[in-house]
C-alpha atoms as a PDB file:
ATOM      1  CA  UNK A   1      -9.391 -15.005 -11.816  1.00  0.00           C
ATOM      2  CA  UNK A   2      -7.641 -11.829 -12.966  1.00  0.00           C
ATOM      3  CA  UNK A   3      -6.601  -8.381 -11.807  1.00  0.00           C
ATOM      4  CA  UNK A   4      -8.430  -5.300 -13.022  1.00  0.00           C
ATOM      5  CA  UNK A   5      -8.135  -1.730 -11.757  1.00  0.00           C
ATOM      6  CA  UNK A   6      -6.447  -2.759  -8.494  1.00  0.00           C
ATOM      7  CA  UNK A   7      -8.808  -5.615  -7.661  1.00  0.00           C
ATOM      8  CA  UNK A   8      -8.760  -9.391  -7.844  1.00  0.00           C
ATOM      9  CA  UNK A   9     -11.730 -10.262 -10.035  1.00  0.00           C
ATOM     10  CA  UNK A  10     -13.598 -13.489 -10.730  1.00  0.00           C
ATOM     11  CA  UNK A  11     -15.875 -14.419 -13.584  1.00  0.00           C
ATOM     12  CA  UNK A  12     -17.379 -17.785 -14.477  1.00  0.00           C
ATOM     13  CA  UNK A  13     -19.131 -18.219 -17.798  1.00  0.00           C
ATOM     14  CA  UNK A  14     -19.242 -20.284 -20.951  1.00  0.00           C
ATOM     15  CA  UNK A  15     -16.223 -19.891 -23.246  1.00  0.00           C
ATOM     16  CA  UNK A  16     -18.335 -18.523 -26.123  1.00  0.00           C
ATOM     17  CA  UNK A  17     -19.505 -15.404 -24.250  1.00  0.00           C
ATOM     18  CA  UNK A  18     -17.716 -12.111 -24.784  1.00  0.00           C
ATOM     19  CA  UNK A  19     -17.238 -10.223 -21.528  1.00  0.00           C
ATOM     20  CA  UNK A  20     -15.569  -6.985 -20.526  1.00  0.00           C
ATOM     21  CA  UNK A  21     -13.029  -6.921 -17.655  1.00  0.00           C
ATOM     22  CA  UNK A  22     -15.448  -4.961 -15.480  1.00  0.00           C
ATOM     23  CA  UNK A  23     -18.090  -7.710 -15.855  1.00  0.00           C
ATOM     24  CA  UNK A  24     -16.380  -9.840 -13.185  1.00  0.00           C
ATOM     25  CA  UNK A  25     -17.055  -9.787  -9.456  1.00  0.00           C
ATOM     26  CA  UNK A  26     -14.594  -8.001  -7.165  1.00  0.00           C
ATOM     27  CA  UNK A  27     -13.041 -10.441  -4.677  1.00  0.00           C
ATOM     28  CA  UNK A  28     -10.522  -8.195  -2.902  1.00  0.00           C
ATOM     29  CA  UNK A  29      -8.034  -5.371  -3.524  1.00  0.00           C
ATOM     30  CA  UNK A  30      -4.923  -6.685  -5.306  1.00  0.00           C
ATOM     31  CA  UNK A  31      -2.205  -4.914  -7.280  1.00  0.00           C
ATOM     32  CA  UNK A  32      -0.748  -7.824  -9.265  1.00  0.00           C
ATOM     33  CA  UNK A  33      -1.443 -11.515  -9.913  1.00  0.00           C
ATOM     34  CA  UNK A  34       0.912 -13.878 -11.758  1.00  0.00           C
ATOM     35  CA  UNK A  35       0.018 -17.484 -12.600  1.00  0.00           C
ATOM     36  CA  UNK A  36       2.023 -20.162 -14.382  1.00  0.00           C
ATOM     37  CA  UNK A  37       1.584 -23.891 -14.974  1.00  0.00           C
ATOM     38  CA  UNK A  38       4.340 -26.394 -15.665  1.00  0.00           C
ATOM     39  CA  UNK A  39       4.221 -30.188 -15.323  1.00  0.00           C
ATOM     40  CA  UNK A  40       1.138 -30.145 -13.101  1.00  0.00           C
ATOM     41  CA  UNK A  41       2.524 -27.425 -10.823  1.00  0.00           C
ATOM     42  CA  UNK A  42       0.473 -24.246 -10.542  1.00  0.00           C
ATOM     43  CA  UNK A  43       2.612 -21.378  -9.277  1.00  0.00           C
ATOM     44  CA  UNK A  44       1.170 -18.030  -8.334  1.00  0.00           C
ATOM     45  CA  UNK A  45       2.270 -14.815  -6.763  1.00  0.00           C
ATOM     46  CA  UNK A  46       0.327 -11.726  -5.821  1.00  0.00           C
ATOM     47  CA  UNK A  47       1.146  -8.268  -4.547  1.00  0.00           C
ATOM     48  CA  UNK A  48      -0.851  -5.991  -2.282  1.00  0.00           C
ATOM     49  CA  UNK A  49       0.360  -2.908  -0.427  1.00  0.00           C
ATOM     50  CA  UNK A  50       3.990  -3.639  -1.317  1.00  0.00           C
ATOM     51  CA  UNK A  51       3.928  -7.176   0.101  1.00  0.00           C
ATOM     52  CA  UNK A  52       4.271 -10.266  -2.116  1.00  0.00           C
ATOM     53  CA  UNK A  53       2.917 -13.750  -1.424  1.00  0.00           C
ATOM     54  CA  UNK A  54       3.938 -16.792  -3.465  1.00  0.00           C
ATOM     55  CA  UNK A  55       2.847 -20.412  -3.528  1.00  0.00           C
ATOM     56  CA  UNK A  56       3.006 -23.516  -5.697  1.00  0.00           C
ATOM     57  CA  UNK A  57       0.504 -26.361  -5.663  1.00  0.00           C
ATOM     58  CA  UNK A  58       0.465 -29.721  -7.420  1.00  0.00           C
ATOM     59  CA  UNK A  59      -2.807 -30.237  -9.284  1.00  0.00           C
ATOM     60  CA  UNK A  60      -4.126 -33.770  -9.448  1.00  0.00           C
ATOM     61  CA  UNK A  61      -7.515 -35.173 -10.372  1.00  0.00           C
ATOM     62  CA  UNK A  62      -9.056 -38.588  -9.865  1.00  0.00           C
ATOM     63  CA  UNK A  63      -7.680 -39.567 -13.266  1.00  0.00           C
ATOM     64  CA  UNK A  64      -4.074 -38.566 -12.541  1.00  0.00           C
ATOM     65  CA  UNK A  65      -1.941 -35.438 -12.779  1.00  0.00           C
ATOM     66  CA  UNK A  66      -2.973 -32.594 -15.061  1.00  0.00           C
ATOM     67  CA  UNK A  67      -0.737 -31.679 -17.966  1.00  0.00           C
END
């Protein structure tokens, strides 16, 4: 997931492929996306039309918390 030219974009591919930002699929209009990870907590915020939304989630798998 990433922002490009005012849109939230998504691309899924193998790590060895070289892609351009415009190669992703547009999900929705979005002005800004910020992601951070610390101690298993994924925090994100996004901005669209002057409004900001924020959330934090705890990531856990069947084998325990992610690092």
